[in-house]
C-alpha atoms as a PDB file:
ATOM      1  CA  MET A   1    -132.539   6.642-134.194  1.00  0.00           C
ATOM      2  CA  LYS A   2    -128.891   6.680-133.656  1.00  0.00           C
ATOM      3  CA  LEU A   3    -126.452   3.829-134.046  1.00  0.00           C
ATOM      4  CA  LEU A   4    -124.087   3.775-130.657  1.00  0.00           C
ATOM      5  CA  ASP A   5    -122.467   0.495-131.139  1.00  0.00           C
ATOM      6  CA  SER A   6    -122.232  -2.621-133.396  1.00  0.00           C
ATOM      7  CA  ILE A   7    -120.321  -5.706-133.215  1.00  0.00           C
ATOM      8  CA  SER A   8    -120.414  -9.106-135.553  1.00  0.00           C
ATOM      9  CA  PHE A   9    -118.102 -12.170-135.022  1.00  0.00           C
ATOM     10  CA  PRO A  10    -118.049 -15.401-136.661  1.00  0.00           C
ATOM     11  CA  GLY A  11    -118.190 -18.389-134.427  1.00  0.00           C
ATOM     12  CA  SER A  12    -116.970 -22.040-135.004  1.00  0.00           C
ATOM     13  CA  SER A  13    -118.216 -24.639-137.749  1.00  0.00           C
ATOM     14  CA  LEU A  14    -120.301 -27.699-136.767  1.00  0.00           C
ATOM     15  CA  ALA A  15    -117.073 -29.736-137.232  1.00  0.00           C
ATOM     16  CA  GLY A  16    -115.309 -27.641-135.004  1.00  0.00           C
ATOM     17  CA  GLY A  17    -112.609 -24.976-135.203  1.00  0.00           C
ATOM     18  CA  MET A  18    -113.163 -21.044-135.552  1.00  0.00           C
ATOM     19  CA  LYS A  19    -114.658 -20.014-139.266  1.00  0.00           C
ATOM     20  CA  THR A  20    -112.202 -18.003-141.157  1.00  0.00           C
ATOM     21  CA  GLY A  21    -115.084 -15.955-143.064  1.00  0.00           C
ATOM     22  CA  THR A  22    -117.206 -13.405-141.835  1.00  0.00           C
ATOM     23  CA  GLY A  23    -119.776 -15.995-140.622  1.00  0.00           C
ATOM     24  CA  ASP A  24    -123.608 -16.257-141.077  1.00  0.00           C
ATOM     25  CA  ASP A  25    -125.049 -13.192-139.275  1.00  0.00           C
ATOM     26  CA  ARG A  26    -125.713  -9.796-140.977  1.00  0.00           C
ATOM     27  CA  TYR A  27    -127.179  -6.666-139.889  1.00  0.00           C
ATOM     28  CA  ALA A  28    -128.690  -3.409-141.505  1.00  0.00           C
ATOM     29  CA  PHE A  29    -129.968  -0.295-140.319  1.00  0.00           C
ATOM     30  CA  ASP A  30    -131.143   3.391-141.321  1.00  0.00           C
ATOM     31  CA  GLU A  31    -130.531   5.874-138.579  1.00  0.00           C
ATOM     32  CA  ALA A  32    -132.721   8.508-140.709  1.00  0.00           C
ATOM     33  CA  ALA A  33    -135.534   6.199-141.330  1.00  0.00           C
ATOM     34  CA  GLY A  34    -135.434   4.697-137.824  1.00  0.00           C
ATOM     35  CA  TRP A  35    -135.001   1.048-138.346  1.00  0.00           C
ATOM     36  CA  ALA A  36    -132.475  -1.546-137.723  1.00  0.00           C
ATOM     37  CA  CYS A  37    -132.244  -5.448-138.168  1.00  0.00           C
ATOM     38  CA  VAL A  38    -129.882  -8.436-137.121  1.00  0.00           C
ATOM     39  CA  ILE A  39    -130.225 -11.738-139.364  1.00  0.00           C
ATOM     40  CA  ASP A  40    -128.577 -14.921-138.257  1.00  0.00           C
ATOM     41  CA  GLY A  41    -128.451 -17.302-141.282  1.00  0.00           C
ATOM     42  CA  ALA A  42    -128.968 -20.834-140.393  1.00  0.00           C
ATOM     43  CA  THR A  43    -125.717 -23.132-140.834  1.00  0.00           C
ATOM     44  CA  ASP A  44    -125.669 -25.157-143.671  1.00  0.00           C
ATOM     45  CA  VAL A  45    -126.748 -28.576-143.011  1.00  0.00           C
ATOM     46  CA  GLY A  46    -128.494 -29.880-146.311  1.00  0.00           C
ATOM     47  CA  PRO A  47    -127.162 -32.219-148.734  1.00  0.00           C
ATOM     48  CA  VAL A  48    -126.392 -29.499-151.571  1.00  0.00           C
ATOM     49  CA  ARG A  49    -125.671 -25.900-151.882  1.00  0.00           C
ATOM     50  CA  ILE A  50    -127.915 -23.882-153.440  1.00  0.00           C
ATOM     51  CA  PHE A  51    -125.947 -20.515-154.283  1.00  0.00           C
ATOM     52  CA  SER A  52    -122.562 -20.239-155.918  1.00  0.00           C
ATOM     53  CA  ALA A  53    -121.665 -17.076-154.257  1.00  0.00           C
ATOM     54  CA  GLY A  54    -120.739 -16.661-150.643  1.00  0.00           C
ATOM     55  CA  GLU A  55    -118.681 -18.212-147.947  1.00  0.00           C
ATOM     56  CA  SER A  56    -122.002 -20.323-147.052  1.00  0.00           C
ATOM     57  CA  ASP A  57    -125.710 -20.638-148.346  1.00  0.00           C
ATOM     58  CA  ALA A  58    -126.559 -19.182-144.932  1.00  0.00           C
ATOM     59  CA  ALA A  59    -124.302 -16.337-145.468  1.00  0.00           C
ATOM     60  CA  ARG A  60    -125.509 -15.676-148.684  1.00  0.00           C
ATOM     61  CA  TYR A  61    -128.897 -15.514-147.483  1.00  0.00           C
ATOM     62  CA  ALA A  62    -128.445 -13.469-144.632  1.00  0.00           C
ATOM     63  CA  GLU A  63    -126.986 -10.869-147.305  1.00  0.00           C
ATOM     64  CA  ILE A  64    -130.025 -11.070-149.768  1.00  0.00           C
ATOM     65  CA  PHE A  65    -132.231 -10.608-146.660  1.00  0.00           C
ATOM     66  CA  ALA A  66    -130.414  -7.515-145.818  1.00  0.00           C
ATOM     67  CA  ALA A  67    -130.138  -6.399-149.193  1.00  0.00           C
ATOM     68  CA  GLU A  68    -134.086  -6.667-149.660  1.00  0.00           C
ATOM     69  CA  ILE A  69    -134.640  -4.790-146.406  1.00  0.00           C
ATOM     70  CA  VAL A  70    -132.458  -1.936-147.472  1.00  0.00           C
ATOM     71  CA  ASN A  71    -133.568  -1.746-150.960  1.00  0.00           C
ATOM     72  CA  GLY A  72    -137.287  -1.898-150.022  1.00  0.00           C
ATOM     73  CA  PRO A  73    -137.756  -0.639-146.562  1.00  0.00           C
ATOM     74  CA  ALA A  74    -140.917  -0.200-145.143  1.00  0.00           C
ATOM     75  CA  ASP A  75    -142.885   2.916-145.478  1.00  0.00           C
ATOM     76  CA  ALA A  76    -143.368   5.066-142.489  1.00  0.00           C
ATOM     77  CA  ARG A  77    -146.964   4.887-143.127  1.00  0.00           C
ATOM     78  CA  GLU A  78    -146.794   1.241-143.144  1.00  0.00           C
ATOM     79  CA  ILE A  79    -147.625  -1.494-140.490  1.00  0.00           C
ATOM     80  CA  PRO A  80    -145.064  -3.973-139.954  1.00  0.00           C
ATOM     81  CA  GLN A  81    -147.438  -6.805-140.714  1.00  0.00           C
ATOM     82  CA  ALA A  82    -148.252  -5.249-144.434  1.00  0.00           C
ATOM     83  CA  TRP A  83    -144.242  -4.810-145.188  1.00  0.00           C
ATOM     84  CA  PHE A  84    -143.371  -8.296-144.171  1.00  0.00           C
ATOM     85  CA  GLY A  85    -146.299  -9.722-146.233  1.00  0.00           C
ATOM     86  CA  ARG A  86    -144.618  -7.871-149.198  1.00  0.00           C
ATOM     87  CA  LEU A  87    -140.884  -8.245-148.143  1.00  0.00           C
ATOM     88  CA  LEU A  88    -140.789 -12.216-148.070  1.00  0.00           C
ATOM     89  CA  PRO A  89    -142.058 -12.786-151.522  1.00  0.00           C
ATOM     90  CA  ARG A  90    -139.327 -10.252-152.650  1.00  0.00           C
ATOM     91  CA  ILE A  91    -136.570 -12.510-150.651  1.00  0.00           C
ATOM     92  CA  ARG A  92    -137.968 -15.715-152.418  1.00  0.00           C
ATOM     93  CA  ALA A  93    -137.920 -14.199-155.747  1.00  0.00           C
ATOM     94  CA  ALA A  94    -134.173 -13.331-155.100  1.00  0.00           C
ATOM     95  CA  VAL A  95    -133.090 -16.322-153.869  1.00  0.00           C
ATOM     96  CA  GLU A  96    -134.617 -17.989-157.060  1.00  0.00           C
ATOM     97  CA  ARG A  97    -132.997 -15.845-159.651  1.00  0.00           C
ATOM     98  CA  GLU A  98    -129.428 -16.516-157.655  1.00  0.00           C
ATOM     99  CA  ALA A  99    -130.179 -20.219-156.928  1.00  0.00           C
ATOM    100  CA  LYS A 100    -128.341 -22.608-159.143  1.00  0.00           C
ATOM    101  CA  ILE A 101    -130.986 -25.375-158.278  1.00  0.00           C
ATOM    102  CA  PRO A 102    -134.622 -24.194-158.683  1.00  0.00           C
ATOM    103  CA  LEU A 103    -136.285 -24.319-155.125  1.00  0.00           C
ATOM    104  CA  LYS A 104    -139.081 -26.809-156.024  1.00  0.00           C
ATOM    105  CA  ASP A 105    -136.361 -29.230-156.979  1.00  0.00           C
ATOM    106  CA  ALA A 106    -133.679 -28.471-153.953  1.00  0.00           C
ATOM    107  CA  PRO A 107    -134.106 -30.735-150.722  1.00  0.00           C
ATOM    108  CA  ARG A 108    -135.902 -29.047-148.102  1.00  0.00           C
ATOM    109  CA  ALA A 109    -132.847 -29.292-145.765  1.00  0.00           C
ATOM    110  CA  SER A 110    -130.919 -27.197-148.246  1.00  0.00           C
ATOM    111  CA  HIS A 111    -133.573 -24.134-148.305  1.00  0.00           C
ATOM    112  CA  PRO A 112    -132.061 -21.256-146.850  1.00  0.00           C
ATOM    113  CA  THR A 113    -133.440 -20.018-143.473  1.00  0.00           C
ATOM    114  CA  ALA A 114    -132.556 -17.383-140.995  1.00  0.00           C
ATOM    115  CA  ALA A 115    -133.970 -16.011-137.752  1.00  0.00           C
ATOM    116  CA  ALA A 116    -134.281 -11.767-137.511  1.00  0.00           C
ATOM    117  CA  THR A 117    -135.209  -9.295-135.224  1.00  0.00           C
ATOM    118  CA  TRP A 118    -136.189  -5.743-136.970  1.00  0.00           C
ATOM    119  CA  VAL A 119    -137.142  -2.756-134.701  1.00  0.00           C
ATOM    120  CA  ARG A 120    -138.256   0.688-135.817  1.00  0.00           C
ATOM    121  CA  ALA A 121    -138.869   3.700-133.958  1.00  0.00           C
ATOM    122  CA  ARG A 122    -142.071   5.305-135.174  1.00  0.00           C
ATOM    123  CA  LYS A 123    -145.037   7.958-133.599  1.00  0.00           C
ATOM    124  CA  GLY A 124    -143.322   7.687-130.077  1.00  0.00           C
ATOM    125  CA  LYS A 125    -143.197   3.708-130.244  1.00  0.00           C
ATOM    126  CA  LEU A 126    -140.655   1.106-130.738  1.00  0.00           C
ATOM    127  CA  GLU A 127    -142.100  -1.863-133.259  1.00  0.00           C
ATOM    128  CA  GLY A 128    -140.782  -5.031-133.244  1.00  0.00           C
ATOM    129  CA  ALA A 129    -140.875  -8.253-135.495  1.00  0.00           C
ATOM    130  CA  THR A 130    -139.106 -11.512-134.577  1.00  0.00           C
ATOM    131  CA  LEU A 131    -138.868 -14.642-136.102  1.00  0.00           C
ATOM    132  CA  GLY A 132    -136.765 -17.578-134.703  1.00  0.00           C
ATOM    133  CA  ASP A 133    -134.237 -16.968-131.771  1.00  0.00           C
ATOM    134  CA  SER A 134    -132.969 -13.487-132.270  1.00  0.00           C
ATOM    135  CA  ILE A 135    -133.604 -11.109-129.219  1.00  0.00           C
ATOM    136  CA  ALA A 136    -134.082  -7.354-128.521  1.00  0.00           C
ATOM    137  CA  ILE A 137    -133.937  -5.782-125.167  1.00  0.00           C
ATOM    138  CA  ILE A 138    -135.133  -2.132-124.754  1.00  0.00           C
ATOM    139  CA  LYS A 139    -134.990   0.237-121.527  1.00  0.00           C
ATOM    140  CA  THR A 140    -136.786   3.357-121.496  1.00  0.00           C
ATOM    141  CA  PRO A 141    -134.948   6.534-119.493  1.00  0.00           C
ATOM    142  CA  ASP A 142    -137.191   5.813-116.574  1.00  0.00           C
ATOM    143  CA  GLY A 143    -135.558   2.256-116.137  1.00  0.00           C
ATOM    144  CA  VAL A 144    -138.740   0.142-117.542  1.00  0.00           C
ATOM    145  CA  LEU A 145    -137.034  -2.945-119.384  1.00  0.00           C
ATOM    146  CA  SER A 146    -138.933  -4.948-122.049  1.00  0.00           C
ATOM    147  CA  VAL A 147    -138.115  -7.787-124.386  1.00  0.00           C
ATOM    148  CA  PHE A 148    -138.785  -8.457-127.923  1.00  0.00           C
ATOM    149  CA  GLY A 149    -138.839 -11.960-129.299  1.00  0.00           C
ATOM    150  CA  GLU A 150    -139.020 -15.337-127.268  1.00  0.00           C
ATOM    151  CA  THR A 151    -136.331 -15.850-124.759  1.00  0.00           C
ATOM    152  CA  SER A 152    -137.487 -19.432-124.300  1.00  0.00           C
ATOM    153  CA  LYS A 153    -136.082 -20.441-127.554  1.00  0.00           C
ATOM    154  CA  ALA A 154    -132.763 -20.361-126.373  1.00  0.00           C
ATOM    155  CA  SER A 155    -132.969 -22.841-123.634  1.00  0.00           C
ATOM    156  CA  ASP A 156    -135.234 -24.831-125.771  1.00  0.00           C
ATOM    157  CA  GLU A 157    -132.368 -25.322-128.205  1.00  0.00           C
ATOM    158  CA  GLN A 158    -129.888 -25.803-125.300  1.00  0.00           C
ATOM    159  CA  GLY A 159    -131.967 -28.790-124.221  1.00  0.00           C
ATOM    160  CA  ARG A 160    -132.109 -30.133-127.717  1.00  0.00           C
ATOM    161  CA  ALA A 161    -128.216 -29.857-128.140  1.00  0.00           C
ATOM    162  CA  ARG A 162    -127.668 -31.527-124.795  1.00  0.00           C
ATOM    163  CA  LYS A 163    -129.303 -34.625-126.252  1.00  0.00           C
ATOM    164  CA  VAL A 164    -128.033 -34.437-130.023  1.00  0.00           C
ATOM    165  CA  MET A 165    -124.348 -33.675-129.226  1.00  0.00           C
ATOM    166  CA  GLU A 166    -124.090 -37.237-127.673  1.00  0.00           C
ATOM    167  CA  LEU A 167    -124.600 -38.534-131.164  1.00  0.00           C
ATOM    168  CA  SER A 168    -121.944 -39.155-133.701  1.00  0.00           C
ATOM    169  CA  PHE A 169    -120.885 -36.602-135.976  1.00  0.00           C
ATOM    170  CA  ALA A 170    -122.722 -38.111-138.871  1.00  0.00           C
ATOM    171  CA  ASP A 171    -125.872 -38.851-136.655  1.00  0.00           C
ATOM    172  CA  ARG A 172    -125.894 -35.028-135.724  1.00  0.00           C
ATOM    173  CA  MET A 173    -125.747 -33.635-138.703  1.00  0.00           C
ATOM    174  CA  GLN A 174    -128.598 -36.066-140.006  1.00  0.00           C
ATOM    175  CA  TRP A 175    -130.563 -34.883-137.000  1.00  0.00           C
ATOM    176  CA  LEU A 176    -130.033 -31.372-137.954  1.00  0.00           C
ATOM    177  CA  ALA A 177    -130.814 -32.000-141.765  1.00  0.00           C
ATOM    178  CA  ASP A 178    -134.231 -33.738-140.633  1.00  0.00           C
ATOM    179  CA  VAL A 179    -135.046 -30.885-138.339  1.00  0.00           C
ATOM    180  CA  ARG A 180    -134.420 -28.653-141.133  1.00  0.00           C
ATOM    181  CA  ALA A 181    -136.486 -30.299-143.732  1.00  0.00           C
ATOM    182  CA  ILE A 182    -139.437 -29.713-141.585  1.00  0.00           C
ATOM    183  CA  HIS A 183    -138.729 -25.974-140.815  1.00  0.00           C
ATOM    184  CA  ASN A 184    -141.879 -23.613-142.118  1.00  0.00           C
ATOM    185  CA  THR A 185    -144.469 -26.704-141.785  1.00  0.00           C
ATOM    186  CA  PRO A 186    -146.753 -27.541-139.383  1.00  0.00           C
ATOM    187  CA  LYS A 187    -144.162 -30.335-137.952  1.00  0.00           C
ATOM    188  CA  GLY A 188    -141.615 -27.730-137.332  1.00  0.00           C
ATOM    189  CA  TYR A 189    -141.120 -24.436-136.303  1.00  0.00           C
ATOM    190  CA  TRP A 190    -141.275 -21.102-138.178  1.00  0.00           C
ATOM    191  CA  VAL A 191    -138.218 -18.842-139.507  1.00  0.00           C
ATOM    192  CA  PHE A 192    -137.330 -16.645-142.136  1.00  0.00           C
ATOM    193  CA  GLY A 193    -136.996 -18.585-145.215  1.00  0.00           C
ATOM    194  CA  VAL A 194    -138.564 -18.932-148.595  1.00  0.00           C
ATOM    195  CA  GLN A 195    -141.949 -19.686-147.895  1.00  0.00           C
ATOM    196  CA  PRO A 196    -143.870 -16.212-147.884  1.00  0.00           C
ATOM    197  CA  GLU A 197    -146.332 -17.777-145.307  1.00  0.00           C
ATOM    198  CA  ALA A 198    -143.795 -17.382-142.639  1.00  0.00           C
ATOM    199  CA  ALA A 199    -145.133 -13.908-142.379  1.00  0.00           C
ATOM    200  CA  ASP A 200    -148.307 -14.984-140.808  1.00  0.00           C
ATOM    201  CA  HIS A 201    -145.969 -16.335-137.758  1.00  0.00           C
ATOM    202  CA  ILE A 202    -143.578 -13.370-137.118  1.00  0.00           C
ATOM    203  CA  VAL A 203    -144.150 -12.154-133.509  1.00  0.00           C
ATOM    204  CA  HIS A 204    -144.810  -8.640-133.507  1.00  0.00           C
ATOM    205  CA  GLN A 205    -144.532  -5.952-130.440  1.00  0.00           C
ATOM    206  CA  SER A 206    -144.877  -2.499-129.737  1.00  0.00           C
ATOM    207  CA  ILE A 207    -144.163  -0.446-126.760  1.00  0.00           C
ATOM    208  CA  ASP A 208    -143.749   3.266-125.892  1.00  0.00           C
ATOM    209  CA  ALA A 209    -140.353   4.582-126.370  1.00  0.00           C
ATOM    210  CA  PRO A 210    -139.673   8.094-125.606  1.00  0.00           C
ATOM    211  CA  PRO A 211    -136.652   9.803-126.637  1.00  0.00           C
ATOM    212  CA  GLY A 212    -133.476   8.137-124.822  1.00  0.00           C
ATOM    213  CA  THR A 213    -134.702   4.882-124.873  1.00  0.00           C
ATOM    214  CA  LYS A 214    -131.951   2.301-125.746  1.00  0.00           C
ATOM    215  CA  VAL A 215    -132.478  -0.909-127.512  1.00  0.00           C
ATOM    216  CA  LEU A 216    -129.699  -3.637-127.593  1.00  0.00           C
ATOM    217  CA  VAL A 217    -130.585  -6.036-130.738  1.00  0.00           C
ATOM    218  CA  MET A 218    -128.749  -9.602-130.987  1.00  0.00           C
ATOM    219  CA  THR A 219    -128.767 -12.890-132.555  1.00  0.00           C
ATOM    220  CA  ASP A 220    -128.492 -15.728-130.320  1.00  0.00           C
ATOM    221  CA  GLY A 221    -124.896 -16.298-130.248  1.00  0.00           C
ATOM    222  CA  PHE A 222    -124.495 -12.807-128.267  1.00  0.00           C
ATOM    223  CA  TYR A 223    -127.530 -13.537-125.884  1.00  0.00           C
ATOM    224  CA  ARG A 224    -125.550 -16.616-124.969  1.00  0.00           C
ATOM    225  CA  LEU A 225    -124.449 -14.688-122.060  1.00  0.00           C
ATOM    226  CA  VAL A 226    -127.990 -15.052-120.862  1.00  0.00           C
ATOM    227  CA  SER A 227    -128.836 -18.473-121.850  1.00  0.00           C
ATOM    228  CA  PRO A 228    -127.153 -20.917-121.495  1.00  0.00           C
ATOM    229  CA  TYR A 229    -124.131 -19.291-119.622  1.00  0.00           C
ATOM    230  CA  GLY A 230    -126.305 -17.519-116.929  1.00  0.00           C
ATOM    231  CA  ARG A 231    -123.437 -14.880-116.789  1.00  0.00           C
ATOM    232  CA  TYR A 232    -126.154 -11.831-116.927  1.00  0.00           C
ATOM    233  CA  THR A 233    -129.791 -11.423-116.861  1.00  0.00           C
ATOM    234  CA  ASP A 234    -131.571  -9.636-119.563  1.00  0.00           C
ATOM    235  CA  GLU A 235    -131.255  -6.185-117.672  1.00  0.00           C
ATOM    236  CA  GLY A 236    -127.801  -7.068-116.347  1.00  0.00           C
ATOM    237  CA  LEU A 237    -126.573  -7.555-120.101  1.00  0.00           C
ATOM    238  CA  PHE A 238    -128.352  -4.604-121.217  1.00  0.00           C
ATOM    239  CA  ASP A 239    -126.512  -2.455-118.452  1.00  0.00           C
ATOM    240  CA  ALA A 240    -122.945  -4.288-119.071  1.00  0.00           C
ATOM    241  CA  VAL A 241    -123.220  -3.170-122.665  1.00  0.00           C
ATOM    242  CA  VAL A 242    -124.156   0.325-122.255  1.00  0.00           C
ATOM    243  CA  THR A 243    -121.505   0.846-119.550  1.00  0.00           C
ATOM    244  CA  ARG A 244    -118.664  -1.422-121.181  1.00  0.00           C
ATOM    245  CA  GLY A 245    -119.204  -1.732-124.895  1.00  0.00           C
ATOM    246  CA  LEU A 246    -120.204  -4.434-126.857  1.00  0.00           C
ATOM    247  CA  GLY A 247    -116.410  -5.166-127.819  1.00  0.00           C
ATOM    248  CA  ASP A 248    -115.685  -6.146-124.073  1.00  0.00           C
ATOM    249  CA  LEU A 249    -118.658  -8.187-123.929  1.00  0.00           C
ATOM    250  CA  MET A 250    -117.626 -10.223-126.805  1.00  0.00           C
ATOM    251  CA  ARG A 251    -114.441 -10.719-125.209  1.00  0.00           C
ATOM    252  CA  GLU A 252    -116.005 -12.145-122.242  1.00  0.00           C
ATOM    253  CA  LEU A 253    -118.398 -14.308-124.374  1.00  0.00           C
ATOM    254  CA  ARG A 254    -115.363 -15.649-126.561  1.00  0.00           C
ATOM    255  CA  ASP A 255    -113.258 -16.308-123.302  1.00  0.00           C
ATOM    256  CA  MET A 256    -116.321 -18.782-122.228  1.00  0.00           C
ATOM    257  CA  GLU A 257    -115.946 -20.481-125.683  1.00  0.00           C
ATOM    258  CA  LYS A 258    -112.418 -21.680-126.027  1.00  0.00           C
ATOM    259  CA  SER A 259    -113.298 -25.547-125.531  1.00  0.00           C
ATOM    260  CA  SER A 260    -115.425 -27.906-126.893  1.00  0.00           C
ATOM    261  CA  ASP A 261    -115.264 -30.431-124.276  1.00  0.00           C
ATOM    262  CA  ASP A 262    -118.320 -29.004-122.527  1.00  0.00           C
ATOM    263  CA  ASP A 263    -120.626 -28.692-125.799  1.00  0.00           C
ATOM    264  CA  ALA A 264    -123.017 -31.643-124.631  1.00  0.00           C
ATOM    265  CA  LYS A 265    -122.807 -30.671-120.890  1.00  0.00           C
ATOM    266  CA  ILE A 266    -123.700 -27.179-121.666  1.00  0.00           C
ATOM    267  CA  GLY A 267    -126.050 -27.930-124.336  1.00  0.00           C
ATOM    268  CA  ARG A 268    -124.557 -26.157-127.449  1.00  0.00           C
ATOM    269  CA  PHE A 269    -124.263 -27.110-131.145  1.00  0.00           C
ATOM    270  CA  LYS A 270    -121.267 -25.220-131.817  1.00  0.00           C
ATOM    271  CA  THR A 271    -118.553 -24.266-129.473  1.00  0.00           C
ATOM    272  CA  ALA A 272    -118.783 -20.480-130.304  1.00  0.00           C
ATOM    273  CA  ASP A 273    -121.857 -19.213-131.930  1.00  0.00           C
ATOM    274  CA  ASP A 274    -121.772 -16.345-134.642  1.00  0.00           C
ATOM    275  CA  ALA A 275    -122.718 -13.304-132.645  1.00  0.00           C
ATOM    276  CA  THR A 276    -123.898 -10.019-133.782  1.00  0.00           C
ATOM    277  CA  ALA A 277    -125.422  -7.140-131.510  1.00  0.00           C
ATOM    278  CA  LEU A 278    -126.421  -3.196-132.260  1.00  0.00           C
ATOM    279  CA  LEU A 279    -127.058  -0.629-129.637  1.00  0.00           C
ATOM    280  CA  ILE A 280    -129.316   1.726-130.589  1.00  0.00           C
ATOM    281  CA  GLU A 281    -130.723   4.922-129.166  1.00  0.00           C
ATOM    282  CA  VAL A 282    -134.067   6.458-129.898  1.00  0.00           C
END
């Protein structure tokens, strides 16, 4: 696996204005081992912070997630389901070692979560594991296009944001905290969090990936070019990245995110979201 291009830009905060730090996205990869991962830390909305380090709990959790993947990667003989079953308890333990509040005492709305998509080239195939709204678009040398992840999640969030952005800022934050509190429960939806049972809800996919297959792995902030903006189709975005590069596409994306006036109409909680993408060749 070869990393052809990469980019990661912070977006704006829920209160408005661009972030001054690195944002809440992270990525990790190992060309020799043939894997890569994008991680989108969920924006802090809880009443307390649980980490002392990091510009936000979301950023710190994404860093912990990436570090655990690098420090204990999947064995080449191991199927992804078995590896994630081992990985998530390790991530929880790493969080517990660093948290200034025991997780059992922290409000659930403050428990860190993240969306992530992990891909690995192995035995002529590309394996994928996704939880949350991150996406991978794959194109083989003969032009066959595939998508890992659930693209409908982007439009689902857009619909929720249209309604919630009509609320006052205080009511909006309360709604977000209430939703975060039911993450990884039967009443909510599943993401990578501190609940090891989330491993049972990961979307696992696998396709044939002959040499020359290219993969665009991205967080939902970069996928905005497809949904909600509709600037590209999945294939159109992939082809544009290959021909023009991630930097050019990022500039195009940010040009569409200069004003908060249309947040409610478009359906976005933040005018500009953290956006990360990797272009890889198998």
